[in-house]
């Protein structure tokens, strides 16, 4: 029997004997709609205290699939360190299940139900992809790459060294078309997100990127928070 999920724009969670709220991020479509054998973690937003974030992970079981419920109002600066912490806990567990994965829980507005975005293999770096590659050994060959930067106002910059248009300024509505027009053979796309972006903004762009035809474009699992 398949599990039945209801659309939940707000999760009510009891933590330390108190009811707390998580506003889930929204996406227009999700390829993943059902997950079995799960345990949850919650990242709470406290609107009464600036820069306040709380992680509740007491129900996580290392051998299960993890559903990470992040309040969409949190910034990446607040959320990413705790997400990295969760990832490392699972990776370093002596009882881990190699087949168990990690997912962000979202509201799929097209289905009026829950949807999920996998981030099991995503590696988060603090800083930009340009900063990262400057630290790499010059003797290490670097494959041709394209950088996409998403700033605080959701403006998008595409940096393609091999294009006549080295830098393209665009937006979410047009970024996919720009990428499809580029010659992307043997190229990797690196995503750079401003740390002040909300988790909702991050998830919206992630969902958009996941809709790209993977045969023509490779999106790196390395993501940069600058």
C-alpha atoms as a PDB file:
ATOM      1  CA  UNK A   1       0.000   0.000   0.000  1.00  0.00           C
ATOM      2  CA  UNK A   2       1.351   3.414  -0.954  1.00  0.00           C
ATOM      3  CA  UNK A   3       1.624   6.142   1.681  1.00  0.00           C
ATOM      4  CA  UNK A   4      -0.869   9.018   1.447  1.00  0.00           C
ATOM      5  CA  UNK A   5       0.427  12.530   2.053  1.00  0.00           C
ATOM      6  CA  UNK A   6      -1.687  15.652   2.515  1.00  0.00           C
ATOM      7  CA  UNK A   7      -0.559  19.121   1.513  1.00  0.00           C
ATOM      8  CA  UNK A   8       0.960  20.715   4.582  1.00  0.00           C
ATOM      9  CA  UNK A   9       2.049  24.326   4.256  1.00  0.00           C
ATOM     10  CA  UNK A  10       2.814  24.386   7.963  1.00  0.00           C
ATOM     11  CA  UNK A  11       4.273  21.611  10.073  1.00  0.00           C
ATOM     12  CA  UNK A  12       3.370  21.653  13.745  1.00  0.00           C
ATOM     13  CA  UNK A  13       6.080  19.946  15.782  1.00  0.00           C
ATOM     14  CA  UNK A  14       6.300  19.329  19.490  1.00  0.00           C
ATOM     15  CA  UNK A  15       9.794  20.189  20.694  1.00  0.00           C
ATOM     16  CA  UNK A  16      10.771  20.393  24.361  1.00  0.00           C
ATOM     17  CA  UNK A  17       7.097  20.194  25.279  1.00  0.00           C
ATOM     18  CA  UNK A  18       6.177  23.214  23.124  1.00  0.00           C
ATOM     19  CA  UNK A  19       4.409  23.380  19.793  1.00  0.00           C
ATOM     20  CA  UNK A  20       6.635  24.845  17.072  1.00  0.00           C
ATOM     21  CA  UNK A  21       5.994  25.690  13.449  1.00  0.00           C
ATOM     22  CA  UNK A  22       7.947  24.955  10.265  1.00  0.00           C
ATOM     23  CA  UNK A  23       6.829  26.726   7.078  1.00  0.00           C
ATOM     24  CA  UNK A  24       7.871  24.380   4.291  1.00  0.00           C
ATOM     25  CA  UNK A  25       9.337  25.754   1.035  1.00  0.00           C
ATOM     26  CA  UNK A  26       7.126  25.528  -2.042  1.00  0.00           C
ATOM     27  CA  UNK A  27       7.971  24.102  -5.458  1.00  0.00           C
ATOM     28  CA  UNK A  28       5.827  23.872  -8.577  1.00  0.00           C
ATOM     29  CA  UNK A  29       6.797  20.298  -9.410  1.00  0.00           C
ATOM     30  CA  UNK A  30       8.716  17.407  -7.857  1.00  0.00           C
ATOM     31  CA  UNK A  31       9.937  14.204  -9.476  1.00  0.00           C
ATOM     32  CA  UNK A  32      10.034  12.526  -6.050  1.00  0.00           C
ATOM     33  CA  UNK A  33       6.631  12.161  -4.416  1.00  0.00           C
ATOM     34  CA  UNK A  34       6.927   9.098  -2.174  1.00  0.00           C
ATOM     35  CA  UNK A  35       9.618   7.961   0.238  1.00  0.00           C
ATOM     36  CA  UNK A  36       9.510   4.969   2.566  1.00  0.00           C
ATOM     37  CA  UNK A  37      11.424   4.135   5.748  1.00  0.00           C
ATOM     38  CA  UNK A  38      11.991   7.689   6.909  1.00  0.00           C
ATOM     39  CA  UNK A  39      12.905   9.715   9.987  1.00  0.00           C
ATOM     40  CA  UNK A  40      12.650  13.529  10.282  1.00  0.00           C
ATOM     41  CA  UNK A  41      14.761  16.481  11.319  1.00  0.00           C
ATOM     42  CA  UNK A  42      13.504  20.056  11.728  1.00  0.00           C
ATOM     43  CA  UNK A  43      15.169  23.451  11.362  1.00  0.00           C
ATOM     44  CA  UNK A  44      13.043  26.064  13.123  1.00  0.00           C
ATOM     45  CA  UNK A  45      12.867  29.794  12.467  1.00  0.00           C
ATOM     46  CA  UNK A  46      12.283  32.146  15.404  1.00  0.00           C
ATOM     47  CA  UNK A  47      10.811  35.418  14.156  1.00  0.00           C
ATOM     48  CA  UNK A  48      11.209  36.989  17.616  1.00  0.00           C
ATOM     49  CA  UNK A  49      14.994  36.680  17.601  1.00  0.00           C
ATOM     50  CA  UNK A  50      17.234  37.866  14.785  1.00  0.00           C
ATOM     51  CA  UNK A  51      19.427  35.173  13.238  1.00  0.00           C
ATOM     52  CA  UNK A  52      17.905  32.518  15.504  1.00  0.00           C
ATOM     53  CA  UNK A  53      17.755  28.941  14.232  1.00  0.00           C
ATOM     54  CA  UNK A  54      17.160  25.684  16.073  1.00  0.00           C
ATOM     55  CA  UNK A  55      17.781  22.112  14.958  1.00  0.00           C
ATOM     56  CA  UNK A  56      15.727  19.201  16.253  1.00  0.00           C
ATOM     57  CA  UNK A  57      17.281  15.903  15.147  1.00  0.00           C
ATOM     58  CA  UNK A  58      16.401  13.641  18.064  1.00  0.00           C
ATOM     59  CA  UNK A  59      14.176  11.426  15.901  1.00  0.00           C
ATOM     60  CA  UNK A  60      16.798  10.724  13.239  1.00  0.00           C
ATOM     61  CA  UNK A  61      17.741   7.074  12.757  1.00  0.00           C
ATOM     62  CA  UNK A  62      20.973   6.618  10.816  1.00  0.00           C
ATOM     63  CA  UNK A  63      19.795   3.595   8.798  1.00  0.00           C
ATOM     64  CA  UNK A  64      16.696   5.341   7.380  1.00  0.00           C
ATOM     65  CA  UNK A  65      16.046   7.931   4.692  1.00  0.00           C
ATOM     66  CA  UNK A  66      16.187  11.375   6.282  1.00  0.00           C
ATOM     67  CA  UNK A  67      13.536  14.018   5.647  1.00  0.00           C
ATOM     68  CA  UNK A  68      14.979  17.401   6.541  1.00  0.00           C
ATOM     69  CA  UNK A  69      12.226  19.967   7.115  1.00  0.00           C
ATOM     70  CA  UNK A  70      13.716  23.453   6.812  1.00  0.00           C
ATOM     71  CA  UNK A  71      11.657  26.577   7.479  1.00  0.00           C
ATOM     72  CA  UNK A  72      11.569  28.538   4.216  1.00  0.00           C
ATOM     73  CA  UNK A  73      12.185  31.837   6.053  1.00  0.00           C
ATOM     74  CA  UNK A  74      15.673  30.831   7.205  1.00  0.00           C
ATOM     75  CA  UNK A  75      18.631  32.220   5.291  1.00  0.00           C
ATOM     76  CA  UNK A  76      21.298  29.972   3.811  1.00  0.00           C
ATOM     77  CA  UNK A  77      23.744  31.467   6.305  1.00  0.00           C
ATOM     78  CA  UNK A  78      21.539  30.060   9.073  1.00  0.00           C
ATOM     79  CA  UNK A  79      20.512  26.757   7.521  1.00  0.00           C
ATOM     80  CA  UNK A  80      23.536  25.419   5.630  1.00  0.00           C
ATOM     81  CA  UNK A  81      25.891  24.908   8.636  1.00  0.00           C
ATOM     82  CA  UNK A  82      23.243  22.759  10.336  1.00  0.00           C
ATOM     83  CA  UNK A  83      22.512  20.865   7.140  1.00  0.00           C
ATOM     84  CA  UNK A  84      26.233  20.139   6.796  1.00  0.00           C
ATOM     85  CA  UNK A  85      26.257  18.990  10.423  1.00  0.00           C
ATOM     86  CA  UNK A  86      23.407  16.550   9.734  1.00  0.00           C
ATOM     87  CA  UNK A  87      25.140  15.190   6.639  1.00  0.00           C
ATOM     88  CA  UNK A  88      28.374  14.581   8.533  1.00  0.00           C
ATOM     89  CA  UNK A  89      26.557  12.826  11.377  1.00  0.00           C
ATOM     90  CA  UNK A  90      25.072  10.334   8.945  1.00  0.00           C
ATOM     91  CA  UNK A  91      28.283   9.867   6.966  1.00  0.00           C
ATOM     92  CA  UNK A  92      30.265   9.187  10.140  1.00  0.00           C
ATOM     93  CA  UNK A  93      27.718   6.892  11.760  1.00  0.00           C
ATOM     94  CA  UNK A  94      28.916   3.364  12.501  1.00  0.00           C
ATOM     95  CA  UNK A  95      25.407   2.043  11.771  1.00  0.00           C
ATOM     96  CA  UNK A  96      24.712   3.842   8.491  1.00  0.00           C
ATOM     97  CA  UNK A  97      22.838   2.303   5.588  1.00  0.00           C
ATOM     98  CA  UNK A  98      24.604   3.015   2.266  1.00  0.00           C
ATOM     99  CA  UNK A  99      21.238   2.951   0.456  1.00  0.00           C
ATOM    100  CA  UNK A 100      19.598   5.506   2.749  1.00  0.00           C
ATOM    101  CA  UNK A 101      19.317   9.010   1.306  1.00  0.00           C
ATOM    102  CA  UNK A 102      18.656  12.581   2.451  1.00  0.00           C
ATOM    103  CA  UNK A 103      15.791  14.738   1.202  1.00  0.00           C
ATOM    104  CA  UNK A 104      14.395  18.213   1.727  1.00  0.00           C
ATOM    105  CA  UNK A 105      10.637  18.198   2.319  1.00  0.00           C
ATOM    106  CA  UNK A 106       8.658  20.684   0.198  1.00  0.00           C
ATOM    107  CA  UNK A 107       5.116  21.553  -0.797  1.00  0.00           C
ATOM    108  CA  UNK A 108       4.451  20.547  -4.404  1.00  0.00           C
ATOM    109  CA  UNK A 109       1.834  23.128  -5.375  1.00  0.00           C
ATOM    110  CA  UNK A 110       0.988  21.429  -8.690  1.00  0.00           C
ATOM    111  CA  UNK A 111      -0.030  18.232  -6.909  1.00  0.00           C
ATOM    112  CA  UNK A 112      -1.246  19.846  -3.686  1.00  0.00           C
ATOM    113  CA  UNK A 113       0.842  17.332  -1.825  1.00  0.00           C
ATOM    114  CA  UNK A 114       4.349  16.863  -0.459  1.00  0.00           C
ATOM    115  CA  UNK A 115       7.340  16.646  -2.782  1.00  0.00           C
ATOM    116  CA  UNK A 116      10.988  15.934  -2.039  1.00  0.00           C
ATOM    117  CA  UNK A 117      14.370  17.090  -3.313  1.00  0.00           C
ATOM    118  CA  UNK A 118      17.324  14.785  -2.735  1.00  0.00           C
ATOM    119  CA  UNK A 119      20.593  16.266  -1.454  1.00  0.00           C
ATOM    120  CA  UNK A 120      22.438  13.108  -0.350  1.00  0.00           C
ATOM    121  CA  UNK A 121      25.552  13.791  -2.408  1.00  0.00           C
ATOM    122  CA  UNK A 122      25.523  17.585  -2.312  1.00  0.00           C
ATOM    123  CA  UNK A 123      28.694  19.057  -0.801  1.00  0.00           C
ATOM    124  CA  UNK A 124      28.380  22.612   0.506  1.00  0.00           C
ATOM    125  CA  UNK A 125      31.334  24.990   0.456  1.00  0.00           C
ATOM    126  CA  UNK A 126      31.528  28.400   2.080  1.00  0.00           C
ATOM    127  CA  UNK A 127      32.784  30.890  -0.500  1.00  0.00           C
ATOM    128  CA  UNK A 128      32.439  31.038  -4.281  1.00  0.00           C
ATOM    129  CA  UNK A 129      33.448  28.422  -6.829  1.00  0.00           C
ATOM    130  CA  UNK A 130      36.099  30.880  -8.105  1.00  0.00           C
ATOM    131  CA  UNK A 131      37.636  31.037  -4.625  1.00  0.00           C
ATOM    132  CA  UNK A 132      37.536  27.248  -4.405  1.00  0.00           C
ATOM    133  CA  UNK A 133      39.363  26.664  -7.683  1.00  0.00           C
ATOM    134  CA  UNK A 134      42.048  29.207  -6.802  1.00  0.00           C
ATOM    135  CA  UNK A 135      43.002  26.976  -3.865  1.00  0.00           C
ATOM    136  CA  UNK A 136      43.343  23.859  -6.018  1.00  0.00           C
ATOM    137  CA  UNK A 137      46.726  22.670  -7.184  1.00  0.00           C
ATOM    138  CA  UNK A 138      47.785  24.230 -10.492  1.00  0.00           C
ATOM    139  CA  UNK A 139      49.052  20.811 -11.548  1.00  0.00           C
ATOM    140  CA  UNK A 140      45.541  19.381 -11.258  1.00  0.00           C
ATOM    141  CA  UNK A 141      43.739  19.634 -14.610  1.00  0.00           C
ATOM    142  CA  UNK A 142      40.415  21.443 -14.352  1.00  0.00           C
ATOM    143  CA  UNK A 143      37.569  20.481 -16.669  1.00  0.00           C
ATOM    144  CA  UNK A 144      35.841  23.326 -18.552  1.00  0.00           C
ATOM    145  CA  UNK A 145      33.149  24.787 -16.354  1.00  0.00           C
ATOM    146  CA  UNK A 146      30.403  27.368 -16.109  1.00  0.00           C
ATOM    147  CA  UNK A 147      29.514  29.271 -12.953  1.00  0.00           C
ATOM    148  CA  UNK A 148      26.007  30.442 -12.086  1.00  0.00           C
ATOM    149  CA  UNK A 149      25.715  33.058  -9.345  1.00  0.00           C
ATOM    150  CA  UNK A 150      22.374  33.831  -7.671  1.00  0.00           C
ATOM    151  CA  UNK A 151      22.502  37.083  -5.731  1.00  0.00           C
ATOM    152  CA  UNK A 152      20.340  38.462  -2.930  1.00  0.00           C
ATOM    153  CA  UNK A 153      17.803  39.915  -5.372  1.00  0.00           C
ATOM    154  CA  UNK A 154      17.562  36.634  -7.312  1.00  0.00           C
ATOM    155  CA  UNK A 155      19.505  38.165 -10.185  1.00  0.00           C
ATOM    156  CA  UNK A 156      21.458  35.472 -12.006  1.00  0.00           C
ATOM    157  CA  UNK A 157      24.885  35.766 -13.590  1.00  0.00           C
ATOM    158  CA  UNK A 158      26.170  33.041 -15.926  1.00  0.00           C
ATOM    159  CA  UNK A 159      29.945  33.003 -16.362  1.00  0.00           C
ATOM    160  CA  UNK A 160      31.041  30.962 -19.382  1.00  0.00           C
ATOM    161  CA  UNK A 161      34.747  31.408 -20.268  1.00  0.00           C
ATOM    162  CA  UNK A 162      34.326  29.717 -23.658  1.00  0.00           C
ATOM    163  CA  UNK A 163      31.421  31.849 -24.837  1.00  0.00           C
ATOM    164  CA  UNK A 164      31.482  35.017 -26.933  1.00  0.00           C
ATOM    165  CA  UNK A 165      29.286  36.422 -24.174  1.00  0.00           C
ATOM    166  CA  UNK A 166      31.612  35.762 -21.243  1.00  0.00           C
ATOM    167  CA  UNK A 167      29.099  37.023 -18.681  1.00  0.00           C
ATOM    168  CA  UNK A 168      25.325  36.900 -19.081  1.00  0.00           C
ATOM    169  CA  UNK A 169      22.929  38.664 -16.728  1.00  0.00           C
ATOM    170  CA  UNK A 170      19.544  36.946 -16.615  1.00  0.00           C
ATOM    171  CA  UNK A 171      16.741  35.763 -14.328  1.00  0.00           C
ATOM    172  CA  UNK A 172      15.055  32.510 -13.315  1.00  0.00           C
ATOM    173  CA  UNK A 173      12.589  32.711 -16.182  1.00  0.00           C
ATOM    174  CA  UNK A 174      15.349  32.749 -18.818  1.00  0.00           C
ATOM    175  CA  UNK A 175      18.338  30.971 -17.256  1.00  0.00           C
ATOM    176  CA  UNK A 176      17.405  27.526 -18.582  1.00  0.00           C
ATOM    177  CA  UNK A 177      17.088  28.810 -22.153  1.00  0.00           C
ATOM    178  CA  UNK A 178      20.502  30.462 -21.894  1.00  0.00           C
ATOM    179  CA  UNK A 179      22.072  27.233 -20.662  1.00  0.00           C
ATOM    180  CA  UNK A 180      20.490  25.161 -23.417  1.00  0.00           C
ATOM    181  CA  UNK A 181      21.868  27.524 -26.074  1.00  0.00           C
ATOM    182  CA  UNK A 182      25.420  27.214 -24.788  1.00  0.00           C
ATOM    183  CA  UNK A 183      27.898  24.593 -25.951  1.00  0.00           C
ATOM    184  CA  UNK A 184      28.095  22.479 -22.821  1.00  0.00           C
ATOM    185  CA  UNK A 185      29.945  19.402 -24.036  1.00  0.00           C
ATOM    186  CA  UNK A 186      32.243  18.137 -21.270  1.00  0.00           C
ATOM    187  CA  UNK A 187      31.380  21.114 -19.086  1.00  0.00           C
ATOM    188  CA  UNK A 188      30.239  21.250 -15.496  1.00  0.00           C
ATOM    189  CA  UNK A 189      27.889  23.868 -14.059  1.00  0.00           C
ATOM    190  CA  UNK A 190      28.666  25.114 -10.546  1.00  0.00           C
ATOM    191  CA  UNK A 191      25.955  26.837  -8.500  1.00  0.00           C
ATOM    192  CA  UNK A 192      26.814  29.801  -6.278  1.00  0.00           C
ATOM    193  CA  UNK A 193      24.218  31.151  -3.842  1.00  0.00           C
ATOM    194  CA  UNK A 194      24.339  34.359  -1.819  1.00  0.00           C
ATOM    195  CA  UNK A 195      24.296  33.403   1.849  1.00  0.00           C
ATOM    196  CA  UNK A 196      21.547  35.954   2.591  1.00  0.00           C
ATOM    197  CA  UNK A 197      19.091  34.204   0.250  1.00  0.00           C
ATOM    198  CA  UNK A 198      16.120  32.567   1.933  1.00  0.00           C
ATOM    199  CA  UNK A 199      15.791  28.802   1.923  1.00  0.00           C
ATOM    200  CA  UNK A 200      12.667  29.291  -0.218  1.00  0.00           C
ATOM    201  CA  UNK A 201      14.748  31.097  -2.877  1.00  0.00           C
ATOM    202  CA  UNK A 202      17.342  28.307  -2.746  1.00  0.00           C
ATOM    203  CA  UNK A 203      14.781  25.527  -3.135  1.00  0.00           C
ATOM    204  CA  UNK A 204      13.007  27.357  -5.967  1.00  0.00           C
ATOM    205  CA  UNK A 205      16.220  27.528  -7.975  1.00  0.00           C
ATOM    206  CA  UNK A 206      17.207  23.954  -7.102  1.00  0.00           C
ATOM    207  CA  UNK A 207      13.854  22.723  -8.369  1.00  0.00           C
ATOM    208  CA  UNK A 208      14.341  24.678 -11.592  1.00  0.00           C
ATOM    209  CA  UNK A 209      17.825  23.249 -12.139  1.00  0.00           C
ATOM    210  CA  UNK A 210      16.607  19.698 -11.574  1.00  0.00           C
ATOM    211  CA  UNK A 211      14.234  20.109 -14.532  1.00  0.00           C
ATOM    212  CA  UNK A 212      17.171  20.457 -16.947  1.00  0.00           C
ATOM    213  CA  UNK A 213      17.892  17.625 -19.368  1.00  0.00           C
ATOM    214  CA  UNK A 214      20.857  15.906 -17.738  1.00  0.00           C
ATOM    215  CA  UNK A 215      22.090  14.515 -21.088  1.00  0.00           C
ATOM    216  CA  UNK A 216      23.273  17.954 -22.180  1.00  0.00           C
ATOM    217  CA  UNK A 217      24.142  19.653 -18.885  1.00  0.00           C
ATOM    218  CA  UNK A 218      25.934  18.323 -15.813  1.00  0.00           C
ATOM    219  CA  UNK A 219      25.146  20.151 -12.584  1.00  0.00           C
ATOM    220  CA  UNK A 220      27.909  19.649 -10.028  1.00  0.00           C
ATOM    221  CA  UNK A 221      27.067  18.265  -6.588  1.00  0.00           C
ATOM    222  CA  UNK A 222      29.451  20.880  -5.202  1.00  0.00           C
ATOM    223  CA  UNK A 223      27.429  23.955  -4.223  1.00  0.00           C
ATOM    224  CA  UNK A 224      28.901  27.234  -3.030  1.00  0.00           C
ATOM    225  CA  UNK A 225      27.493  29.646  -0.449  1.00  0.00           C
ATOM    226  CA  UNK A 226      29.216  33.015  -0.659  1.00  0.00           C
END
